[in-house]
Amino acid sequence: MSENFDDVELIKRRKLIELQRRIAEEKRRREEEERKQNILRVILTPEARSRLTNIRMVKPEFAAQLELQLISLAQQGKLPIPLTDEQLKSILMELQEKKKDIKITWM
């Protein structure tokens, strides 16, 4: 009987540890997202942030990559701050043109 009790206690402890790990990971993820959004508030005008939010709804992976790239460029001093909606649209157009330039040659 004692072995079963020990097994149950061990399972409970493992589940508690896993739950604590998940909570800590979620907290870390939220804090990271909050830091990122605070930086974007500084480097983007409200209109540019709105455009980025719209992009995130349609293409979340692309928006996440774009956000990180914008933050990186701003930290390197390669981005005018604040970045206006027109400037963001220009960057997006350049990215779209680069995407269209890909050519596949069959051999």
PDB file of N, CA and C in Angstrom:
ATOM      1  N   MET A   1       0.823  -1.196   0.000  1.00  0.00           N
ATOM      2  CA  MET A   1       0.000   0.000   0.000  1.00  0.00           C
ATOM      3  C   MET A   1       0.864   1.256   0.000  1.00  0.00           C
ATOM      4  N   SER A   2       1.956   1.216   0.723  1.00  0.00           N
ATOM      5  CA  SER A   2       2.861   2.357   0.810  1.00  0.00           C
ATOM      6  C   SER A   2       3.487   2.676  -0.539  1.00  0.00           C
ATOM      7  N   GLU A   3       3.770   1.612  -1.324  1.00  0.00           N
ATOM      8  CA  GLU A   3       4.361   1.830  -2.662  1.00  0.00           C
ATOM      9  C   GLU A   3       3.391   2.582  -3.560  1.00  0.00           C
ATOM     10  N   ASN A   4       2.130   2.236  -3.528  1.00  0.00           N
ATOM     11  CA  ASN A   4       1.136   2.922  -4.343  1.00  0.00           C
ATOM     12  C   ASN A   4       1.023   4.386  -3.944  1.00  0.00           C
ATOM     13  N   PHE A   5       1.048   4.630  -2.640  1.00  0.00           N
ATOM     14  CA  PHE A   5       0.991   6.009  -2.146  1.00  0.00           C
ATOM     15  C   PHE A   5       2.212   6.792  -2.631  1.00  0.00           C
ATOM     16  N   ASP A   6       3.391   6.182  -2.570  1.00  0.00           N
ATOM     17  CA  ASP A   6       4.617   6.832  -3.040  1.00  0.00           C
ATOM     18  C   ASP A   6       4.546   7.118  -4.535  1.00  0.00           C
ATOM     19  N   ASP A   7       4.004   6.177  -5.298  1.00  0.00           N
ATOM     20  CA  ASP A   7       3.866   6.370  -6.748  1.00  0.00           C
ATOM     21  C   ASP A   7       2.930   7.542  -7.049  1.00  0.00           C
ATOM     22  N   VAL A   8       1.833   7.592  -6.320  1.00  0.00           N
ATOM     23  CA  VAL A   8       0.872   8.675  -6.515  1.00  0.00           C
ATOM     24  C   VAL A   8       1.509  10.010  -6.169  1.00  0.00           C
ATOM     25  N   GLU A   9       2.244  10.047  -5.059  1.00  0.00           N
ATOM     26  CA  GLU A   9       2.925  11.284  -4.662  1.00  0.00           C
ATOM     27  C   GLU A   9       3.963  11.701  -5.691  1.00  0.00           C
ATOM     28  N   LEU A  10       4.676  10.738  -6.237  1.00  0.00           N
ATOM     29  CA  LEU A  10       5.681  11.029  -7.260  1.00  0.00           C
ATOM     30  C   LEU A  10       5.018  11.604  -8.512  1.00  0.00           C
ATOM     31  N   ILE A  11       3.914  11.033  -8.908  1.00  0.00           N
ATOM     32  CA  ILE A  11       3.176  11.531 -10.078  1.00  0.00           C
ATOM     33  C   ILE A  11       2.668  12.943  -9.815  1.00  0.00           C
ATOM     34  N   LYS A  12       2.134  13.174  -8.622  1.00  0.00           N
ATOM     35  CA  LYS A  12       1.650  14.512  -8.263  1.00  0.00           C
ATOM     36  C   LYS A  12       2.781  15.535  -8.324  1.00  0.00           C
ATOM     37  N   ARG A  13       3.944  15.165  -7.773  1.00  0.00           N
ATOM     38  CA  ARG A  13       5.089  16.084  -7.796  1.00  0.00           C
ATOM     39  C   ARG A  13       5.525  16.399  -9.215  1.00  0.00           C
ATOM     40  N   ARG A  14       5.576  15.381 -10.062  1.00  0.00           N
ATOM     41  CA  ARG A  14       5.970  15.581 -11.469  1.00  0.00           C
ATOM     42  C   ARG A  14       4.994  16.512 -12.182  1.00  0.00           C
ATOM     43  N   LYS A  15       3.710  16.293 -11.931  1.00  0.00           N
ATOM     44  CA  LYS A  15       2.703  17.156 -12.565  1.00  0.00           C
ATOM     45  C   LYS A  15       2.821  18.584 -12.060  1.00  0.00           C
ATOM     46  N   LEU A  16       3.074  18.752 -10.765  1.00  0.00           N
ATOM     47  CA  LEU A  16       3.246  20.082 -10.199  1.00  0.00           C
ATOM     48  C   LEU A  16       4.465  20.770 -10.799  1.00  0.00           C
ATOM     49  N   ILE A  17       5.557  20.054 -10.926  1.00  0.00           N
ATOM     50  CA  ILE A  17       6.777  20.619 -11.526  1.00  0.00           C
ATOM     51  C   ILE A  17       6.514  21.023 -12.975  1.00  0.00           C
ATOM     52  N   GLU A  18       5.821  20.171 -13.712  1.00  0.00           N
ATOM     53  CA  GLU A  18       5.500  20.482 -15.108  1.00  0.00           C
ATOM     54  C   GLU A  18       4.597  21.712 -15.197  1.00  0.00           C
ATOM     55  N   LEU A  19       3.618  21.803 -14.332  1.00  0.00           N
ATOM     56  CA  LEU A  19       2.725  22.955 -14.322  1.00  0.00           C
ATOM     57  C   LEU A  19       3.496  24.232 -14.001  1.00  0.00           C
ATOM     58  N   GLN A  20       4.389  24.172 -13.018  1.00  0.00           N
ATOM     59  CA  GLN A  20       5.204  25.341 -12.663  1.00  0.00           C
ATOM     60  C   GLN A  20       6.097  25.754 -13.839  1.00  0.00           C
ATOM     61  N   ARG A  21       6.646  24.777 -14.552  1.00  0.00           N
ATOM     62  CA  ARG A  21       7.489  25.066 -15.712  1.00  0.00           C
ATOM     63  C   ARG A  21       6.666  25.761 -16.805  1.00  0.00           C
ATOM     64  N   ARG A  22       5.463  25.264 -17.040  1.00  0.00           N
ATOM     65  CA  ARG A  22       4.601  25.867 -18.066  1.00  0.00           C
ATOM     66  C   ARG A  22       4.218  27.298 -17.697  1.00  0.00           C
ATOM     67  N   ILE A  23       3.903  27.514 -16.428  1.00  0.00           N
ATOM     68  CA  ILE A  23       3.536  28.857 -15.971  1.00  0.00           C
ATOM     69  C   ILE A  23       4.714  29.810 -16.133  1.00  0.00           C
ATOM     70  N   ALA A  24       5.909  29.358 -15.761  1.00  0.00           N
ATOM     71  CA  ALA A  24       7.107  30.200 -15.897  1.00  0.00           C
ATOM     72  C   ALA A  24       7.387  30.510 -17.366  1.00  0.00           C
ATOM     73  N   GLU A  25       7.229  29.532 -18.226  1.00  0.00           N
ATOM     74  CA  GLU A  25       7.464  29.732 -19.665  1.00  0.00           C
ATOM     75  C   GLU A  25       6.458  30.722 -20.244  1.00  0.00           C
ATOM     76  N   GLU A  26       5.206  30.594 -19.860  1.00  0.00           N
ATOM     77  CA  GLU A  26       4.171  31.513 -20.341  1.00  0.00           C
ATOM     78  C   GLU A  26       4.435  32.932 -19.850  1.00  0.00           C
ATOM     79  N   LYS A  27       4.860  33.063 -18.605  1.00  0.00           N
ATOM     80  CA  LYS A  27       5.188  34.381 -18.060  1.00  0.00           C
ATOM     81  C   LYS A  27       6.357  35.000 -18.827  1.00  0.00           C
ATOM     82  N   ARG A  28       7.384  34.210 -19.097  1.00  0.00           N
ATOM     83  CA  ARG A  28       8.543  34.684 -19.853  1.00  0.00           C
ATOM     84  C   ARG A  28       8.134  35.126 -21.257  1.00  0.00           C
ATOM     85  N   ARG A  29       7.268  34.328 -21.894  1.00  0.00           N
ATOM     86  CA  ARG A  29       6.810  34.649 -23.243  1.00  0.00           C
ATOM     87  C   ARG A  29       6.010  35.956 -23.251  1.00  0.00           C
ATOM     88  N   ARG A  30       5.134  36.132 -22.256  1.00  0.00           N
ATOM     89  CA  ARG A  30       4.342  37.369 -22.167  1.00  0.00           C
ATOM     90  C   ARG A  30       5.229  38.586 -21.932  1.00  0.00           C
ATOM     91  N   GLU A  31       6.210  38.442 -21.050  1.00  0.00           N
ATOM     92  CA  GLU A  31       7.123  39.555 -20.775  1.00  0.00           C
ATOM     93  C   GLU A  31       7.931  39.925 -22.017  1.00  0.00           C
ATOM     94  N   GLU A  32       8.375  38.918 -22.756  1.00  0.00           N
ATOM     95  CA  GLU A  32       9.126  39.156 -23.987  1.00  0.00           C
ATOM     96  C   GLU A  32       8.253  39.880 -25.021  1.00  0.00           C
ATOM     97  N   GLU A  33       7.018  39.437 -25.154  1.00  0.00           N
ATOM     98  CA  GLU A  33       6.090  40.076 -26.092  1.00  0.00           C
ATOM     99  C   GLU A  33       5.816  41.515 -25.673  1.00  0.00           C
ATOM    100  N   GLU A  34       5.672  41.758 -24.377  1.00  0.00           N
ATOM    101  CA  GLU A  34       5.433  43.110 -23.881  1.00  0.00           C
ATOM    102  C   GLU A  34       6.623  44.021 -24.174  1.00  0.00           C
ATOM    103  N   ARG A  35       7.842  43.512 -23.973  1.00  0.00           N
ATOM    104  CA  ARG A  35       9.045  44.299 -24.292  1.00  0.00           C
ATOM    105  C   ARG A  35       9.084  44.646 -25.777  1.00  0.00           C
ATOM    106  N   LYS A  36       8.763  43.650 -26.610  1.00  0.00           N
ATOM    107  CA  LYS A  36       8.768  43.868 -28.054  1.00  0.00           C
ATOM    108  C   LYS A  36       7.743  44.935 -28.440  1.00  0.00           C
ATOM    109  N   GLN A  37       6.552  44.852 -27.871  1.00  0.00           N
ATOM    110  CA  GLN A  37       5.511  45.836 -28.189  1.00  0.00           C
ATOM    111  C   GLN A  37       5.891  47.235 -27.709  1.00  0.00           C
ATOM    112  N   ASN A  38       6.558  47.339 -26.565  1.00  0.00           N
ATOM    113  CA  ASN A  38       7.017  48.640 -26.076  1.00  0.00           C
ATOM    114  C   ASN A  38       8.040  49.250 -27.032  1.00  0.00           C
ATOM    115  N   ILE A  39       8.939  48.432 -27.539  1.00  0.00           N
ATOM    116  CA  ILE A  39       9.933  48.927 -28.502  1.00  0.00           C
ATOM    117  C   ILE A  39       9.233  49.377 -29.780  1.00  0.00           C
ATOM    118  N   LEU A  40       8.268  48.589 -30.248  1.00  0.00           N
ATOM    119  CA  LEU A  40       7.548  48.954 -31.469  1.00  0.00           C
ATOM    120  C   LEU A  40       6.765  50.253 -31.284  1.00  0.00           C
ATOM    121  N   ARG A  41       6.247  50.513 -30.077  1.00  0.00           N
ATOM    122  CA  ARG A  41       5.552  51.775 -29.813  1.00  0.00           C
ATOM    123  C   ARG A  41       6.490  52.968 -29.986  1.00  0.00           C
ATOM    124  N   VAL A  42       7.757  52.768 -29.671  1.00  0.00           N
ATOM    125  CA  VAL A  42       8.737  53.846 -29.786  1.00  0.00           C
ATOM    126  C   VAL A  42       9.169  54.037 -31.242  1.00  0.00           C
ATOM    127  N   ILE A  43       9.386  52.947 -31.956  1.00  0.00           N
ATOM    128  CA  ILE A  43       9.978  53.075 -33.299  1.00  0.00           C
ATOM    129  C   ILE A  43       8.950  53.234 -34.421  1.00  0.00           C
ATOM    130  N   LEU A  44       7.664  52.984 -34.139  1.00  0.00           N
ATOM    131  CA  LEU A  44       6.637  53.104 -35.173  1.00  0.00           C
ATOM    132  C   LEU A  44       5.603  54.155 -34.787  1.00  0.00           C
ATOM    133  N   THR A  45       5.109  54.867 -35.786  1.00  0.00           N
ATOM    134  CA  THR A  45       3.990  55.773 -35.539  1.00  0.00           C
ATOM    135  C   THR A  45       2.739  54.922 -35.299  1.00  0.00           C
ATOM    136  N   PRO A  46       1.692  55.509 -34.707  1.00  0.00           N
ATOM    137  CA  PRO A  46       0.456  54.730 -34.488  1.00  0.00           C
ATOM    138  C   PRO A  46      -0.112  54.129 -35.780  1.00  0.00           C
ATOM    139  N   GLU A  47      -0.001  54.872 -36.877  1.00  0.00           N
ATOM    140  CA  GLU A  47      -0.515  54.363 -38.160  1.00  0.00           C
ATOM    141  C   GLU A  47       0.293  53.157 -38.626  1.00  0.00           C
ATOM    142  N   ALA A  48       1.613  53.215 -38.467  1.00  0.00           N
ATOM    143  CA  ALA A  48       2.468  52.097 -38.872  1.00  0.00           C
ATOM    144  C   ALA A  48       2.197  50.877 -37.987  1.00  0.00           C
ATOM    145  N   ARG A  49       1.992  51.106 -36.685  1.00  0.00           N
ATOM    146  CA  ARG A  49       1.654  50.002 -35.781  1.00  0.00           C
ATOM    147  C   ARG A  49       0.326  49.368 -36.171  1.00  0.00           C
ATOM    148  N   SER A  50      -0.616  50.200 -36.570  1.00  0.00           N
ATOM    149  CA  SER A  50      -1.913  49.690 -37.004  1.00  0.00           C
ATOM    150  C   SER A  50      -1.756  48.805 -38.245  1.00  0.00           C
ATOM    151  N   ARG A  51      -0.939  49.248 -39.178  1.00  0.00           N
ATOM    152  CA  ARG A  51      -0.692  48.446 -40.388  1.00  0.00           C
ATOM    153  C   ARG A  51      -0.048  47.113 -40.009  1.00  0.00           C
ATOM    154  N   LEU A  52       0.906  47.162 -39.106  1.00  0.00           N
ATOM    155  CA  LEU A  52       1.576  45.940 -38.669  1.00  0.00           C
ATOM    156  C   LEU A  52       0.588  44.991 -37.975  1.00  0.00           C
ATOM    157  N   THR A  53      -0.334  45.536 -37.210  1.00  0.00           N
ATOM    158  CA  THR A  53      -1.371  44.725 -36.565  1.00  0.00           C
ATOM    159  C   THR A  53      -2.249  44.051 -37.616  1.00  0.00           C
ATOM    160  N   ASN A  54      -2.605  44.782 -38.663  1.00  0.00           N
ATOM    161  CA  ASN A  54      -3.409  44.203 -39.747  1.00  0.00           C
ATOM    162  C   ASN A  54      -2.651  43.080 -40.443  1.00  0.00           C
ATOM    163  N   ILE A  55      -1.371  43.291 -40.655  1.00  0.00           N
ATOM    164  CA  ILE A  55      -0.551  42.254 -41.291  1.00  0.00           C
ATOM    165  C   ILE A  55      -0.504  41.017 -40.395  1.00  0.00           C
ATOM    166  N   ARG A  56      -0.371  41.234 -39.080  1.00  0.00           N
ATOM    167  CA  ARG A  56      -0.290  40.128 -38.132  1.00  0.00           C
ATOM    168  C   ARG A  56      -1.548  39.261 -38.185  1.00  0.00           C
ATOM    169  N   MET A  57      -2.703  39.888 -38.437  1.00  0.00           N
ATOM    170  CA  MET A  57      -3.949  39.114 -38.505  1.00  0.00           C
ATOM    171  C   MET A  57      -3.971  38.203 -39.724  1.00  0.00           C
ATOM    172  N   VAL A  58      -3.355  38.649 -40.812  1.00  0.00           N
ATOM    173  CA  VAL A  58      -3.385  37.877 -42.051  1.00  0.00           C
ATOM    174  C   VAL A  58      -2.197  36.928 -42.159  1.00  0.00           C
ATOM    175  N   LYS A  59      -1.014  37.436 -41.802  1.00  0.00           N
ATOM    176  CA  LYS A  59       0.211  36.640 -41.917  1.00  0.00           C
ATOM    177  C   LYS A  59       1.021  36.758 -40.624  1.00  0.00           C
ATOM    178  N   PRO A  60       0.638  36.003 -39.592  1.00  0.00           N
ATOM    179  CA  PRO A  60       1.295  36.151 -38.288  1.00  0.00           C
ATOM    180  C   PRO A  60       2.801  35.851 -38.314  1.00  0.00           C
ATOM    181  N   GLU A  61       3.216  34.845 -39.069  1.00  0.00           N
ATOM    182  CA  GLU A  61       4.643  34.509 -39.113  1.00  0.00           C
ATOM    183  C   GLU A  61       5.436  35.629 -39.770  1.00  0.00           C
ATOM    184  N   PHE A  62       4.925  36.152 -40.866  1.00  0.00           N
ATOM    185  CA  PHE A  62       5.591  37.250 -41.571  1.00  0.00           C
ATOM    186  C   PHE A  62       5.676  38.481 -40.674  1.00  0.00           C
ATOM    187  N   ALA A  63       4.585  38.788 -39.977  1.00  0.00           N
ATOM    188  CA  ALA A  63       4.558  39.956 -39.093  1.00  0.00           C
ATOM    189  C   ALA A  63       5.587  39.801 -37.971  1.00  0.00           C
ATOM    190  N   ALA A  64       5.697  38.604 -37.412  1.00  0.00           N
ATOM    191  CA  ALA A  64       6.668  38.368 -36.338  1.00  0.00           C
ATOM    192  C   ALA A  64       8.093  38.582 -36.843  1.00  0.00           C
ATOM    193  N   GLN A  65       8.386  38.086 -38.035  1.00  0.00           N
ATOM    194  CA  GLN A  65       9.717  38.277 -38.616  1.00  0.00           C
ATOM    195  C   GLN A  65       9.967  39.750 -38.908  1.00  0.00           C
ATOM    196  N   LEU A  66       8.967  40.425 -39.434  1.00  0.00           N
ATOM    197  CA  LEU A  66       9.091  41.845 -39.750  1.00  0.00           C
ATOM    198  C   LEU A  66       9.327  42.657 -38.484  1.00  0.00           C
ATOM    199  N   GLU A  67       8.606  42.356 -37.425  1.00  0.00           N
ATOM    200  CA  GLU A  67       8.795  43.071 -36.160  1.00  0.00           C
ATOM    201  C   GLU A  67      10.230  42.930 -35.660  1.00  0.00           C
ATOM    202  N   LEU A  68      10.726  41.699 -35.669  1.00  0.00           N
ATOM    203  CA  LEU A  68      12.098  41.478 -35.202  1.00  0.00           C
ATOM    204  C   LEU A  68      13.108  42.206 -36.079  1.00  0.00           C
ATOM    205  N   GLN A  69      12.871  42.210 -37.383  1.00  0.00           N
ATOM    206  CA  GLN A  69      13.781  42.896 -38.306  1.00  0.00           C
ATOM    207  C   GLN A  69      13.739  44.406 -38.077  1.00  0.00           C
ATOM    208  N   LEU A  70      12.563  44.964 -37.895  1.00  0.00           N
ATOM    209  CA  LEU A  70      12.442  46.400 -37.637  1.00  0.00           C
ATOM    210  C   LEU A  70      13.143  46.788 -36.338  1.00  0.00           C
ATOM    211  N   ILE A  71      12.964  45.968 -35.309  1.00  0.00           N
ATOM    212  CA  ILE A  71      13.624  46.243 -34.025  1.00  0.00           C
ATOM    213  C   ILE A  71      15.140  46.182 -34.190  1.00  0.00           C
ATOM    214  N   SER A  72      15.604  45.180 -34.898  1.00  0.00           N
ATOM    215  CA  SER A  72      17.044  45.032 -35.118  1.00  0.00           C
ATOM    216  C   SER A  72      17.606  46.235 -35.876  1.00  0.00           C
ATOM    217  N   LEU A  73      16.926  46.650 -36.947  1.00  0.00           N
ATOM    218  CA  LEU A  73      17.387  47.800 -37.732  1.00  0.00           C
ATOM    219  C   LEU A  73      17.378  49.075 -36.893  1.00  0.00           C
ATOM    220  N   ALA A  74      16.375  49.238 -36.060  1.00  0.00           N
ATOM    221  CA  ALA A  74      16.293  50.424 -35.202  1.00  0.00           C
ATOM    222  C   ALA A  74      17.439  50.432 -34.195  1.00  0.00           C
ATOM    223  N   GLN A  75      17.745  49.276 -33.629  1.00  0.00           N
ATOM    224  CA  GLN A  75      18.829  49.198 -32.660  1.00  0.00           C
ATOM    225  C   GLN A  75      20.184  49.471 -33.307  1.00  0.00           C
ATOM    226  N   GLN A  76      20.304  49.177 -34.601  1.00  0.00           N
ATOM    227  CA  GLN A  76      21.548  49.426 -35.327  1.00  0.00           C
ATOM    228  C   GLN A  76      21.612  50.861 -35.853  1.00  0.00           C
ATOM    229  N   GLY A  77      20.542  51.608 -35.671  1.00  0.00           N
ATOM    230  CA  GLY A  77      20.509  52.983 -36.146  1.00  0.00           C
ATOM    231  C   GLY A  77      20.273  53.090 -37.647  1.00  0.00           C
ATOM    232  N   LYS A  78      19.740  52.037 -38.258  1.00  0.00           N
ATOM    233  CA  LYS A  78      19.517  52.012 -39.706  1.00  0.00           C
ATOM    234  C   LYS A  78      18.070  52.287 -40.086  1.00  0.00           C
ATOM    235  N   LEU A  79      17.292  52.779 -39.133  1.00  0.00           N
ATOM    236  CA  LEU A  79      15.875  52.999 -39.358  1.00  0.00           C
ATOM    237  C   LEU A  79      15.506  54.373 -38.820  1.00  0.00           C
ATOM    238  N   PRO A  80      14.792  55.164 -39.614  1.00  0.00           N
ATOM    239  CA  PRO A  80      14.351  56.460 -39.082  1.00  0.00           C
ATOM    240  C   PRO A  80      13.314  56.230 -37.984  1.00  0.00           C
ATOM    241  N   ILE A  81      13.466  56.957 -36.882  1.00  0.00           N
ATOM    242  CA  ILE A  81      12.544  56.784 -35.756  1.00  0.00           C
ATOM    243  C   ILE A  81      11.828  58.093 -35.513  1.00  0.00           C
ATOM    244  N   PRO A  82      10.525  58.129 -35.470  1.00  0.00           N
ATOM    245  CA  PRO A  82       9.641  56.980 -35.666  1.00  0.00           C
ATOM    246  C   PRO A  82       9.448  56.687 -37.158  1.00  0.00           C
ATOM    247  N   LEU A  83       9.255  55.418 -37.455  1.00  0.00           N
ATOM    248  CA  LEU A  83       8.996  54.976 -38.818  1.00  0.00           C
ATOM    249  C   LEU A  83       7.527  55.247 -39.133  1.00  0.00           C
ATOM    250  N   THR A  84       7.283  55.998 -40.185  1.00  0.00           N
ATOM    251  CA  THR A  84       5.899  56.343 -40.542  1.00  0.00           C
ATOM    252  C   THR A  84       5.235  55.209 -41.316  1.00  0.00           C
ATOM    253  N   ASP A  85       3.932  55.318 -41.468  1.00  0.00           N
ATOM    254  CA  ASP A  85       3.187  54.328 -42.233  1.00  0.00           C
ATOM    255  C   ASP A  85       3.670  54.298 -43.679  1.00  0.00           C
ATOM    256  N   GLU A  86       3.937  55.460 -44.247  1.00  0.00           N
ATOM    257  CA  GLU A  86       4.423  55.513 -45.631  1.00  0.00           C
ATOM    258  C   GLU A  86       5.771  54.809 -45.767  1.00  0.00           C
ATOM    259  N   GLN A  87       6.659  55.019 -44.797  1.00  0.00           N
ATOM    260  CA  GLN A  87       7.960  54.362 -44.837  1.00  0.00           C
ATOM    261  C   GLN A  87       7.809  52.850 -44.676  1.00  0.00           C
ATOM    262  N   LEU A  88       6.903  52.427 -43.809  1.00  0.00           N
ATOM    263  CA  LEU A  88       6.653  51.000 -43.629  1.00  0.00           C
ATOM    264  C   LEU A  88       6.082  50.401 -44.910  1.00  0.00           C
ATOM    265  N   LYS A  89       5.150  51.116 -45.552  1.00  0.00           N
ATOM    266  CA  LYS A  89       4.593  50.628 -46.822  1.00  0.00           C
ATOM    267  C   LYS A  89       5.699  50.480 -47.856  1.00  0.00           C
ATOM    268  N   SER A  90       6.625  51.410 -47.888  1.00  0.00           N
ATOM    269  CA  SER A  90       7.741  51.346 -48.826  1.00  0.00           C
ATOM    270  C   SER A  90       8.595  50.098 -48.568  1.00  0.00           C
ATOM    271  N   ILE A  91       8.870  49.835 -47.304  1.00  0.00           N
ATOM    272  CA  ILE A  91       9.642  48.638 -46.944  1.00  0.00           C
ATOM    273  C   ILE A  91       8.898  47.379 -47.376  1.00  0.00           C
ATOM    274  N   LEU A  92       7.597  47.356 -47.140  1.00  0.00           N
ATOM    275  CA  LEU A  92       6.787  46.191 -47.524  1.00  0.00           C
ATOM    276  C   LEU A  92       6.778  45.997 -49.033  1.00  0.00           C
ATOM    277  N   MET A  93       6.714  47.095 -49.784  1.00  0.00           N
ATOM    278  CA  MET A  93       6.743  47.002 -51.249  1.00  0.00           C
ATOM    279  C   MET A  93       8.079  46.429 -51.715  1.00  0.00           C
ATOM    280  N   GLU A  94       9.174  46.874 -51.099  1.00  0.00           N
ATOM    281  CA  GLU A  94      10.491  46.336 -51.452  1.00  0.00           C
ATOM    282  C   GLU A  94      10.566  44.846 -51.163  1.00  0.00           C
ATOM    283  N   LEU A  95      10.040  44.431 -50.034  1.00  0.00           N
ATOM    284  CA  LEU A  95      10.048  43.013 -49.693  1.00  0.00           C
ATOM    285  C   LEU A  95       9.225  42.207 -50.679  1.00  0.00           C
ATOM    286  N   GLN A  96       8.089  42.763 -51.084  1.00  0.00           N
ATOM    287  CA  GLN A  96       7.228  42.066 -52.032  1.00  0.00           C
ATOM    288  C   GLN A  96       7.905  41.964 -53.400  1.00  0.00           C
ATOM    289  N   GLU A  97       8.604  43.020 -53.826  1.00  0.00           N
ATOM    290  CA  GLU A  97       9.309  42.985 -55.103  1.00  0.00           C
ATOM    291  C   GLU A  97      10.417  41.947 -55.080  1.00  0.00           C
ATOM    292  N   LYS A  98      11.135  41.855 -53.984  1.00  0.00           N
ATOM    293  CA  LYS A  98      12.202  40.849 -53.863  1.00  0.00           C
ATOM    294  C   LYS A  98      11.617  39.453 -53.958  1.00  0.00           C
ATOM    295  N   LYS A  99      10.441  39.281 -53.380  1.00  0.00           N
ATOM    296  CA  LYS A  99       9.778  37.980 -53.414  1.00  0.00           C
ATOM    297  C   LYS A  99       9.403  37.609 -54.853  1.00  0.00           C
ATOM    298  N   LYS A 100       8.987  38.594 -55.639  1.00  0.00           N
ATOM    299  CA  LYS A 100       8.579  38.349 -57.021  1.00  0.00           C
ATOM    300  C   LYS A 100       9.763  38.103 -57.933  1.00  0.00           C
ATOM    301  N   ASP A 101      10.961  38.551 -57.540  1.00  0.00           N
ATOM    302  CA  ASP A 101      12.141  38.400 -58.386  1.00  0.00           C
ATOM    303  C   ASP A 101      12.701  36.991 -58.433  1.00  0.00           C
ATOM    304  N   ILE A 102      12.177  36.108 -57.619  1.00  0.00           N
ATOM    305  CA  ILE A 102      12.667  34.733 -57.591  1.00  0.00           C
ATOM    306  C   ILE A 102      12.267  34.045 -58.888  1.00  0.00           C
ATOM    307  N   LYS A 103      13.265  33.487 -59.571  1.00  0.00           N
ATOM    308  CA  LYS A 103      13.015  32.785 -60.836  1.00  0.00           C
ATOM    309  C   LYS A 103      13.540  31.365 -60.717  1.00  0.00           C
ATOM    310  N   ILE A 104      12.773  30.450 -61.265  1.00  0.00           N
ATOM    311  CA  ILE A 104      13.173  29.046 -61.236  1.00  0.00           C
ATOM    312  C   ILE A 104      13.507  28.643 -62.659  1.00  0.00           C
ATOM    313  N   THR A 105      14.697  28.088 -62.825  1.00  0.00           N
ATOM    314  CA  THR A 105      15.130  27.630 -64.140  1.00  0.00           C
ATOM    315  C   THR A 105      15.171  26.106 -64.125  1.00  0.00           C
ATOM    316  N   TRP A 106      14.457  25.499 -65.062  1.00  0.00           N
ATOM    317  CA  TRP A 106      14.441  24.047 -65.151  1.00  0.00           C
ATOM    318  C   TRP A 106      15.579  23.597 -66.035  1.00  0.00           C
ATOM    319  N   MET A 107      16.225  22.550 -65.639  1.00  0.00           N
ATOM    320  CA  MET A 107      17.347  22.026 -66.422  1.00  0.00           C
ATOM    321  C   MET A 107      17.000  20.705 -67.026  1.00  0.00           C
TER     322      MET A 107
END
